[in-house]
């Protein structure tokens, strides 16, 4: 465990010691808890941000409705095939086919 030296106003330290004794703790413990809360606050914020990003990604993928492409009916497939082959655009099927 490391030692930490801080500079603090005498009256503030005296008041902190009195309050710590009243609460059954020490100024050292209050400082340790404050530093731990300070560090954990950043970690909790980072975790919350990561969770929010994951939630947004899941919402996005649900809106995409991923899955197989819809099947085309036989006539639509034939029309699409003709449109791809013809240089002038889509041609209709001959009547009777």
C-alpha atoms as a PDB file:
ATOM      1  CA  UNK A   1       0.000   0.000   0.000  1.00  0.00           C
ATOM      2  CA  UNK A   2       1.324   3.469  -0.856  1.00  0.00           C
ATOM      3  CA  UNK A   3       1.399   6.603   1.259  1.00  0.00           C
ATOM      4  CA  UNK A   4      -0.032   9.892   0.001  1.00  0.00           C
ATOM      5  CA  UNK A   5       0.819  13.336   1.294  1.00  0.00           C
ATOM      6  CA  UNK A   6      -1.678  16.136   0.694  1.00  0.00           C
ATOM      7  CA  UNK A   7      -1.865  19.740   1.733  1.00  0.00           C
ATOM      8  CA  UNK A   8      -5.133  20.727   3.404  1.00  0.00           C
ATOM      9  CA  UNK A   9      -6.355  23.645   5.492  1.00  0.00           C
ATOM     10  CA  UNK A  10      -5.952  23.017   9.246  1.00  0.00           C
ATOM     11  CA  UNK A  11      -9.560  23.855  10.064  1.00  0.00           C
ATOM     12  CA  UNK A  12     -10.853  21.652   7.274  1.00  0.00           C
ATOM     13  CA  UNK A  13      -8.764  18.721   8.518  1.00  0.00           C
ATOM     14  CA  UNK A  14      -9.938  19.255  12.102  1.00  0.00           C
ATOM     15  CA  UNK A  15     -13.585  19.282  10.966  1.00  0.00           C
ATOM     16  CA  UNK A  16     -12.991  16.167   8.859  1.00  0.00           C
ATOM     17  CA  UNK A  17     -11.454  14.320  11.817  1.00  0.00           C
ATOM     18  CA  UNK A  18     -14.404  15.240  14.063  1.00  0.00           C
ATOM     19  CA  UNK A  19     -16.933  14.076  11.461  1.00  0.00           C
ATOM     20  CA  UNK A  20     -14.978  10.873  10.773  1.00  0.00           C
ATOM     21  CA  UNK A  21     -14.901  10.007  14.496  1.00  0.00           C
ATOM     22  CA  UNK A  22     -18.653  10.653  14.717  1.00  0.00           C
ATOM     23  CA  UNK A  23     -19.200   8.230  11.847  1.00  0.00           C
ATOM     24  CA  UNK A  24     -16.818   5.617  13.281  1.00  0.00           C
ATOM     25  CA  UNK A  25     -14.195   5.923  10.576  1.00  0.00           C
ATOM     26  CA  UNK A  26     -10.976   7.859   9.854  1.00  0.00           C
ATOM     27  CA  UNK A  27      -9.941  10.637   7.504  1.00  0.00           C
ATOM     28  CA  UNK A  28      -7.657   8.128   5.765  1.00  0.00           C
ATOM     29  CA  UNK A  29     -10.613   5.815   5.099  1.00  0.00           C
ATOM     30  CA  UNK A  30     -12.722   8.718   3.835  1.00  0.00           C
ATOM     31  CA  UNK A  31      -9.900   9.646   1.427  1.00  0.00           C
ATOM     32  CA  UNK A  32      -9.520   6.024   0.244  1.00  0.00           C
ATOM     33  CA  UNK A  33     -13.248   5.761  -0.418  1.00  0.00           C
ATOM     34  CA  UNK A  34     -13.304   9.099  -2.240  1.00  0.00           C
ATOM     35  CA  UNK A  35     -10.416   8.065  -4.495  1.00  0.00           C
ATOM     36  CA  UNK A  36     -11.997   4.671  -5.165  1.00  0.00           C
ATOM     37  CA  UNK A  37     -15.306   6.335  -6.060  1.00  0.00           C
ATOM     38  CA  UNK A  38     -13.432   8.765  -8.313  1.00  0.00           C
ATOM     39  CA  UNK A  39     -11.800   5.889 -10.227  1.00  0.00           C
ATOM     40  CA  UNK A  40     -14.907   3.692 -10.356  1.00  0.00           C
ATOM     41  CA  UNK A  41     -16.992   6.591 -11.651  1.00  0.00           C
ATOM     42  CA  UNK A  42     -14.886   6.657 -14.840  1.00  0.00           C
ATOM     43  CA  UNK A  43     -15.062   2.863 -15.170  1.00  0.00           C
ATOM     44  CA  UNK A  44     -18.823   2.857 -14.619  1.00  0.00           C
ATOM     45  CA  UNK A  45     -19.249   5.638 -17.157  1.00  0.00           C
ATOM     46  CA  UNK A  46     -17.156   3.731 -19.712  1.00  0.00           C
ATOM     47  CA  UNK A  47     -19.179   0.559 -19.083  1.00  0.00           C
ATOM     48  CA  UNK A  48     -22.443   2.480 -19.445  1.00  0.00           C
ATOM     49  CA  UNK A  49     -21.250   3.992 -22.725  1.00  0.00           C
ATOM     50  CA  UNK A  50     -20.224   0.569 -24.058  1.00  0.00           C
ATOM     51  CA  UNK A  51     -23.603  -0.852 -23.070  1.00  0.00           C
ATOM     52  CA  UNK A  52     -25.399   2.046 -24.785  1.00  0.00           C
ATOM     53  CA  UNK A  53     -23.372   1.477 -27.968  1.00  0.00           C
ATOM     54  CA  UNK A  54     -24.196  -2.246 -27.903  1.00  0.00           C
ATOM     55  CA  UNK A  55     -27.885  -1.505 -27.390  1.00  0.00           C
ATOM     56  CA  UNK A  56     -27.866   0.990 -30.288  1.00  0.00           C
ATOM     57  CA  UNK A  57     -26.150  -1.571 -32.527  1.00  0.00           C
ATOM     58  CA  UNK A  58     -28.748  -4.217 -31.690  1.00  0.00           C
ATOM     59  CA  UNK A  59     -31.571  -1.774 -32.389  1.00  0.00           C
ATOM     60  CA  UNK A  60     -29.934  -0.879 -35.700  1.00  0.00           C
ATOM     61  CA  UNK A  61     -29.575  -4.524 -36.764  1.00  0.00           C
ATOM     62  CA  UNK A  62     -33.185  -5.238 -35.840  1.00  0.00           C
ATOM     63  CA  UNK A  63     -34.305  -2.393 -38.081  1.00  0.00           C
ATOM     64  CA  UNK A  64     -32.280  -3.836 -40.970  1.00  0.00           C
ATOM     65  CA  UNK A  65     -34.414  -6.989 -40.948  1.00  0.00           C
ATOM     66  CA  UNK A  66     -31.472  -9.111 -42.001  1.00  0.00           C
ATOM     67  CA  UNK A  67     -32.249 -12.409 -43.610  1.00  0.00           C
ATOM     68  CA  UNK A  68     -32.442 -14.105 -46.972  1.00  0.00           C
ATOM     69  CA  UNK A  69     -33.468 -12.042 -49.966  1.00  0.00           C
ATOM     70  CA  UNK A  70     -37.128 -12.381 -50.832  1.00  0.00           C
ATOM     71  CA  UNK A  71     -37.837 -14.981 -53.469  1.00  0.00           C
ATOM     72  CA  UNK A  72     -39.013 -13.650 -56.792  1.00  0.00           C
ATOM     73  CA  UNK A  73     -41.995 -15.125 -58.542  1.00  0.00           C
ATOM     74  CA  UNK A  74     -41.198 -16.954 -61.777  1.00  0.00           C
ATOM     75  CA  UNK A  75     -42.515 -14.148 -63.999  1.00  0.00           C
ATOM     76  CA  UNK A  76     -40.613 -11.444 -62.076  1.00  0.00           C
ATOM     77  CA  UNK A  77     -37.428 -13.489 -62.266  1.00  0.00           C
ATOM     78  CA  UNK A  78     -37.830 -13.876 -66.027  1.00  0.00           C
ATOM     79  CA  UNK A  79     -38.429 -10.118 -66.445  1.00  0.00           C
ATOM     80  CA  UNK A  80     -35.321  -9.371 -64.389  1.00  0.00           C
ATOM     81  CA  UNK A  81     -33.254 -11.760 -66.473  1.00  0.00           C
ATOM     82  CA  UNK A  82     -34.403 -10.096 -69.693  1.00  0.00           C
ATOM     83  CA  UNK A  83     -33.641  -6.622 -68.312  1.00  0.00           C
ATOM     84  CA  UNK A  84     -30.083  -7.666 -67.461  1.00  0.00           C
ATOM     85  CA  UNK A  85     -29.455  -9.202 -70.894  1.00  0.00           C
ATOM     86  CA  UNK A  86     -30.907  -6.494 -73.092  1.00  0.00           C
ATOM     87  CA  UNK A  87     -28.771  -3.393 -73.741  1.00  0.00           C
ATOM     88  CA  UNK A  88     -31.816  -1.165 -74.301  1.00  0.00           C
ATOM     89  CA  UNK A  89     -33.499  -1.973 -71.008  1.00  0.00           C
ATOM     90  CA  UNK A  90     -36.209  -4.390 -70.069  1.00  0.00           C
ATOM     91  CA  UNK A  91     -38.136  -6.143 -72.755  1.00  0.00           C
ATOM     92  CA  UNK A  92     -41.377  -7.834 -72.071  1.00  0.00           C
ATOM     93  CA  UNK A  93     -41.884 -11.522 -72.577  1.00  0.00           C
ATOM     94  CA  UNK A  94     -43.522 -12.554 -75.760  1.00  0.00           C
ATOM     95  CA  UNK A  95     -47.228 -13.075 -75.329  1.00  0.00           C
ATOM     96  CA  UNK A  96     -48.308 -16.620 -74.706  1.00  0.00           C
ATOM     97  CA  UNK A  97     -45.235 -17.636 -72.721  1.00  0.00           C
END
